[in-house]
Amino acid sequence: MFLAALYLIRGVPALLYRPLVGGRRAAAAGLLQATTLSFVLIASQIGQDLGLLTSSTVAALTAAALVSVLVNPVAALVMLGRGDSAVPEPAAAPQPG
């Protein structure tokens, strides 16, 4: 549930990029935007210190953030594919001849 919330809150705004960069790149940007760990860790610690979150809720939030860090970048790269990379391939060296 928390992972879905991360995608909704942080990933869906990437749909605004769709007219500029296309569907696949916008989806990849959404995955990368939904990748988060530090914010969730800090916010959940503050929530626990204030007595607003239980330790099980903090653990679930942390697990969702860890999954986003492990899965989202790889999924974004797979979605983009090798031909759509932002970094150009190096040019082949001229053959002597």
N, C-alpha and C. Protein backbone atom coordinates (compact mmCIF):
# COMPACT_ATOMS: atom_id res chain seq x y z
N MET A 1 0.83 -1.18 0.00
CA MET A 1 0.00 0.00 0.00
C MET A 1 0.88 1.26 0.00
N PHE A 2 1.93 1.26 0.82
CA PHE A 2 2.80 2.43 0.88
C PHE A 2 3.59 2.62 -0.43
N LEU A 3 3.97 1.53 -1.06
CA LEU A 3 4.68 1.63 -2.33
C LEU A 3 3.76 2.22 -3.40
N ALA A 4 2.52 1.80 -3.40
CA ALA A 4 1.55 2.37 -4.34
C ALA A 4 1.36 3.87 -4.08
N ALA A 5 1.37 4.25 -2.82
CA ALA A 5 1.26 5.68 -2.47
C ALA A 5 2.47 6.46 -2.98
N LEU A 6 3.67 5.86 -2.90
CA LEU A 6 4.86 6.53 -3.44
C LEU A 6 4.72 6.75 -4.95
N TYR A 7 4.23 5.74 -5.65
CA TYR A 7 4.05 5.88 -7.09
C TYR A 7 3.01 6.95 -7.40
N LEU A 8 1.95 6.97 -6.64
CA LEU A 8 0.88 7.94 -6.89
C LEU A 8 1.33 9.36 -6.60
N ILE A 9 1.93 9.57 -5.45
CA ILE A 9 2.28 10.92 -5.03
C ILE A 9 3.49 11.46 -5.78
N ARG A 10 4.50 10.64 -5.97
CA ARG A 10 5.74 11.14 -6.56
C ARG A 10 5.92 10.77 -8.02
N GLY A 11 5.25 9.73 -8.49
CA GLY A 11 5.44 9.29 -9.86
C GLY A 11 4.44 9.83 -10.86
N VAL A 12 3.20 9.99 -10.45
CA VAL A 12 2.16 10.43 -11.38
C VAL A 12 2.42 11.82 -11.95
N PRO A 13 3.01 12.76 -11.20
CA PRO A 13 3.28 14.06 -11.83
C PRO A 13 4.16 13.98 -13.07
N ALA A 14 4.87 12.89 -13.27
CA ALA A 14 5.69 12.74 -14.48
C ALA A 14 4.81 12.65 -15.73
N LEU A 15 3.53 12.40 -15.56
CA LEU A 15 2.64 12.39 -16.72
C LEU A 15 2.60 13.75 -17.40
N LEU A 16 2.94 14.79 -16.67
CA LEU A 16 3.00 16.12 -17.26
C LEU A 16 4.11 16.22 -18.30
N TYR A 17 5.13 15.35 -18.20
CA TYR A 17 6.24 15.36 -19.14
C TYR A 17 5.88 14.67 -20.45
N ARG A 18 4.80 13.92 -20.45
CA ARG A 18 4.48 13.05 -21.58
C ARG A 18 4.45 13.78 -22.93
N PRO A 19 3.83 14.95 -23.03
CA PRO A 19 3.85 15.63 -24.33
C PRO A 19 5.25 16.06 -24.78
N LEU A 20 6.14 16.26 -23.82
CA LEU A 20 7.49 16.72 -24.16
C LEU A 20 8.45 15.59 -24.50
N VAL A 21 8.37 14.48 -23.78
CA VAL A 21 9.38 13.43 -23.93
C VAL A 21 8.82 12.09 -24.38
N GLY A 22 7.52 11.94 -24.45
CA GLY A 22 6.93 10.67 -24.86
C GLY A 22 6.54 9.81 -23.66
N GLY A 23 5.77 8.79 -23.94
CA GLY A 23 5.21 7.95 -22.88
C GLY A 23 6.22 7.13 -22.11
N ARG A 24 7.15 6.46 -22.83
CA ARG A 24 8.12 5.61 -22.13
C ARG A 24 9.05 6.42 -21.26
N ARG A 25 9.53 7.53 -21.77
CA ARG A 25 10.44 8.36 -20.97
C ARG A 25 9.71 9.00 -19.80
N ALA A 26 8.46 9.37 -19.98
CA ALA A 26 7.69 9.92 -18.87
C ALA A 26 7.46 8.87 -17.78
N ALA A 27 7.17 7.64 -18.20
CA ALA A 27 6.99 6.56 -17.22
C ALA A 27 8.30 6.27 -16.49
N ALA A 28 9.42 6.28 -17.21
CA ALA A 28 10.72 6.08 -16.57
C ALA A 28 11.02 7.21 -15.60
N ALA A 29 10.69 8.43 -15.99
CA ALA A 29 10.89 9.57 -15.08
C ALA A 29 10.02 9.42 -13.83
N GLY A 30 8.80 8.92 -14.00
CA GLY A 30 7.94 8.68 -12.85
C GLY A 30 8.52 7.66 -11.89
N LEU A 31 9.10 6.61 -12.44
CA LEU A 31 9.75 5.61 -11.58
C LEU A 31 10.93 6.21 -10.84
N LEU A 32 11.72 7.00 -11.52
CA LEU A 32 12.88 7.60 -10.86
C LEU A 32 12.46 8.64 -9.83
N GLN A 33 11.39 9.38 -10.11
CA GLN A 33 10.89 10.34 -9.12
C GLN A 33 10.33 9.64 -7.89
N ALA A 34 9.78 8.46 -8.07
CA ALA A 34 9.20 7.72 -6.95
C ALA A 34 10.26 6.98 -6.14
N THR A 35 11.51 7.06 -6.56
CA THR A 35 12.60 6.43 -5.82
C THR A 35 12.97 7.33 -4.65
N THR A 36 12.81 6.81 -3.45
CA THR A 36 13.08 7.63 -2.27
C THR A 36 13.46 6.75 -1.09
N LEU A 37 14.33 7.24 -0.28
CA LEU A 37 14.67 6.54 0.95
C LEU A 37 14.86 7.53 2.08
N SER A 38 15.70 8.51 1.89
CA SER A 38 16.05 9.42 2.99
C SER A 38 14.84 10.18 3.51
N PHE A 39 13.99 10.69 2.62
CA PHE A 39 12.82 11.43 3.07
C PHE A 39 11.91 10.56 3.92
N VAL A 40 11.67 9.34 3.45
CA VAL A 40 10.78 8.43 4.18
C VAL A 40 11.38 8.08 5.54
N LEU A 41 12.68 7.82 5.59
CA LEU A 41 13.31 7.47 6.85
C LEU A 41 13.21 8.62 7.86
N ILE A 42 13.50 9.82 7.41
CA ILE A 42 13.47 10.97 8.31
C ILE A 42 12.04 11.28 8.75
N ALA A 43 11.12 11.29 7.79
CA ALA A 43 9.73 11.60 8.13
C ALA A 43 9.13 10.55 9.07
N SER A 44 9.44 9.29 8.83
CA SER A 44 8.89 8.25 9.71
C SER A 44 9.51 8.31 11.10
N GLN A 45 10.78 8.66 11.19
CA GLN A 45 11.42 8.80 12.50
C GLN A 45 10.79 9.97 13.27
N ILE A 46 10.56 11.07 12.59
CA ILE A 46 9.91 12.21 13.24
C ILE A 46 8.50 11.83 13.68
N GLY A 47 7.77 11.13 12.81
CA GLY A 47 6.42 10.69 13.17
C GLY A 47 6.41 9.75 14.36
N GLN A 48 7.40 8.89 14.45
CA GLN A 48 7.49 7.98 15.59
C GLN A 48 7.86 8.74 16.86
N ASP A 49 8.79 9.69 16.75
CA ASP A 49 9.18 10.49 17.92
C ASP A 49 8.01 11.31 18.45
N LEU A 50 7.14 11.76 17.56
CA LEU A 50 5.97 12.53 17.97
C LEU A 50 4.81 11.65 18.43
N GLY A 51 4.98 10.35 18.31
CA GLY A 51 3.94 9.43 18.73
C GLY A 51 2.82 9.27 17.72
N LEU A 52 3.06 9.69 16.49
CA LEU A 52 2.04 9.61 15.45
C LEU A 52 2.09 8.31 14.66
N LEU A 53 3.24 7.64 14.66
CA LEU A 53 3.41 6.40 13.92
C LEU A 53 3.88 5.30 14.85
N THR A 54 3.37 4.11 14.63
CA THR A 54 3.83 2.96 15.40
C THR A 54 5.08 2.39 14.74
N SER A 55 5.78 1.54 15.46
CA SER A 55 7.00 0.96 14.90
C SER A 55 6.68 0.05 13.70
N SER A 56 5.53 -0.59 13.69
CA SER A 56 5.17 -1.43 12.54
C SER A 56 4.88 -0.58 11.31
N THR A 57 4.30 0.59 11.49
CA THR A 57 4.06 1.49 10.37
C THR A 57 5.37 2.02 9.83
N VAL A 58 6.29 2.37 10.73
CA VAL A 58 7.61 2.83 10.31
C VAL A 58 8.33 1.73 9.53
N ALA A 59 8.22 0.50 9.99
CA ALA A 59 8.86 -0.62 9.29
C ALA A 59 8.26 -0.80 7.89
N ALA A 60 6.94 -0.67 7.77
CA ALA A 60 6.29 -0.81 6.47
C ALA A 60 6.70 0.32 5.54
N LEU A 61 6.77 1.54 6.03
CA LEU A 61 7.22 2.67 5.22
C LEU A 61 8.65 2.48 4.76
N THR A 62 9.50 2.02 5.66
CA THR A 62 10.91 1.78 5.33
C THR A 62 11.04 0.68 4.28
N ALA A 63 10.26 -0.38 4.41
CA ALA A 63 10.30 -1.47 3.43
C ALA A 63 9.86 -0.98 2.06
N ALA A 64 8.81 -0.16 2.00
CA ALA A 64 8.35 0.38 0.72
C ALA A 64 9.43 1.26 0.10
N ALA A 65 10.09 2.07 0.92
CA ALA A 65 11.15 2.94 0.40
C ALA A 65 12.33 2.11 -0.10
N LEU A 66 12.68 1.05 0.61
CA LEU A 66 13.78 0.19 0.16
C LEU A 66 13.45 -0.49 -1.16
N VAL A 67 12.22 -0.95 -1.30
CA VAL A 67 11.81 -1.57 -2.56
C VAL A 67 11.90 -0.55 -3.69
N SER A 68 11.49 0.69 -3.42
CA SER A 68 11.57 1.72 -4.47
C SER A 68 13.00 1.98 -4.88
N VAL A 69 13.92 1.96 -3.93
CA VAL A 69 15.34 2.21 -4.24
C VAL A 69 15.95 1.04 -5.01
N LEU A 70 15.53 -0.16 -4.71
CA LEU A 70 16.10 -1.34 -5.37
C LEU A 70 15.48 -1.61 -6.73
N VAL A 71 14.19 -1.37 -6.89
CA VAL A 71 13.47 -1.78 -8.09
C VAL A 71 13.33 -0.66 -9.11
N ASN A 72 13.01 0.54 -8.68
CA ASN A 72 12.66 1.61 -9.61
C ASN A 72 13.76 1.99 -10.60
N PRO A 73 15.01 2.17 -10.17
CA PRO A 73 16.03 2.53 -11.16
C PRO A 73 16.24 1.44 -12.22
N VAL A 74 16.22 0.20 -11.79
CA VAL A 74 16.39 -0.90 -12.74
C VAL A 74 15.21 -0.96 -13.70
N ALA A 75 14.00 -0.81 -13.16
CA ALA A 75 12.81 -0.83 -14.00
C ALA A 75 12.82 0.33 -14.99
N ALA A 76 13.28 1.49 -14.57
CA ALA A 76 13.35 2.64 -15.47
C ALA A 76 14.35 2.39 -16.59
N LEU A 77 15.50 1.81 -16.26
CA LEU A 77 16.48 1.51 -17.31
C LEU A 77 15.96 0.47 -18.28
N VAL A 78 15.28 -0.53 -17.79
CA VAL A 78 14.71 -1.55 -18.66
C VAL A 78 13.64 -0.92 -19.54
N MET A 79 12.84 -0.04 -18.96
CA MET A 79 11.78 0.61 -19.72
C MET A 79 12.35 1.48 -20.84
N LEU A 80 13.44 2.16 -20.56
CA LEU A 80 14.05 3.01 -21.58
C LEU A 80 14.73 2.19 -22.66
N GLY A 81 15.28 1.07 -22.28
CA GLY A 81 15.99 0.25 -23.25
C GLY A 81 17.33 0.88 -23.60
N ARG A 82 18.15 0.13 -24.26
CA ARG A 82 19.49 0.62 -24.59
C ARG A 82 19.46 1.73 -25.63
N GLY A 83 18.55 1.68 -26.58
CA GLY A 83 18.51 2.66 -27.65
C GLY A 83 18.02 4.03 -27.22
N ASP A 84 17.39 4.13 -26.06
CA ASP A 84 16.81 5.39 -25.59
C ASP A 84 17.63 6.04 -24.50
N SER A 85 18.86 5.62 -24.30
CA SER A 85 19.64 6.15 -23.19
C SER A 85 19.94 7.62 -23.41
N ALA A 86 20.05 8.35 -22.32
CA ALA A 86 20.32 9.78 -22.40
C ALA A 86 21.78 10.05 -22.73
N VAL A 87 22.65 9.08 -22.45
CA VAL A 87 24.08 9.25 -22.72
C VAL A 87 24.37 8.66 -24.09
N PRO A 88 24.91 9.44 -25.00
CA PRO A 88 25.18 8.92 -26.33
C PRO A 88 26.28 7.88 -26.31
N GLU A 89 26.18 6.94 -27.22
CA GLU A 89 27.22 5.92 -27.39
C GLU A 89 28.47 6.61 -27.93
N PRO A 90 29.66 6.17 -27.52
CA PRO A 90 30.87 6.78 -28.08
C PRO A 90 31.01 6.42 -29.55
N ALA A 91 31.53 7.35 -30.31
CA ALA A 91 31.72 7.12 -31.75
C ALA A 91 32.84 6.10 -31.94
N ALA A 92 32.69 5.31 -32.99
CA ALA A 92 33.71 4.32 -33.30
C ALA A 92 34.96 5.03 -33.80
N ALA A 93 36.10 4.49 -33.42
CA ALA A 93 37.37 5.07 -33.87
C ALA A 93 37.53 4.82 -35.37
N PRO A 94 38.06 5.80 -36.09
CA PRO A 94 38.27 5.60 -37.52
C PRO A 94 39.27 4.48 -37.78
N GLN A 95 38.98 3.69 -38.77
CA GLN A 95 39.85 2.58 -39.14
C GLN A 95 40.97 3.09 -40.04
N PRO A 96 42.21 2.72 -39.74
CA PRO A 96 43.30 3.14 -40.63
C PRO A 96 43.15 2.44 -41.98
N GLY A 97 43.45 3.18 -42.97
CA GLY A 97 43.32 2.44 -44.16
C GLY A 97 43.54 2.98 -45.43
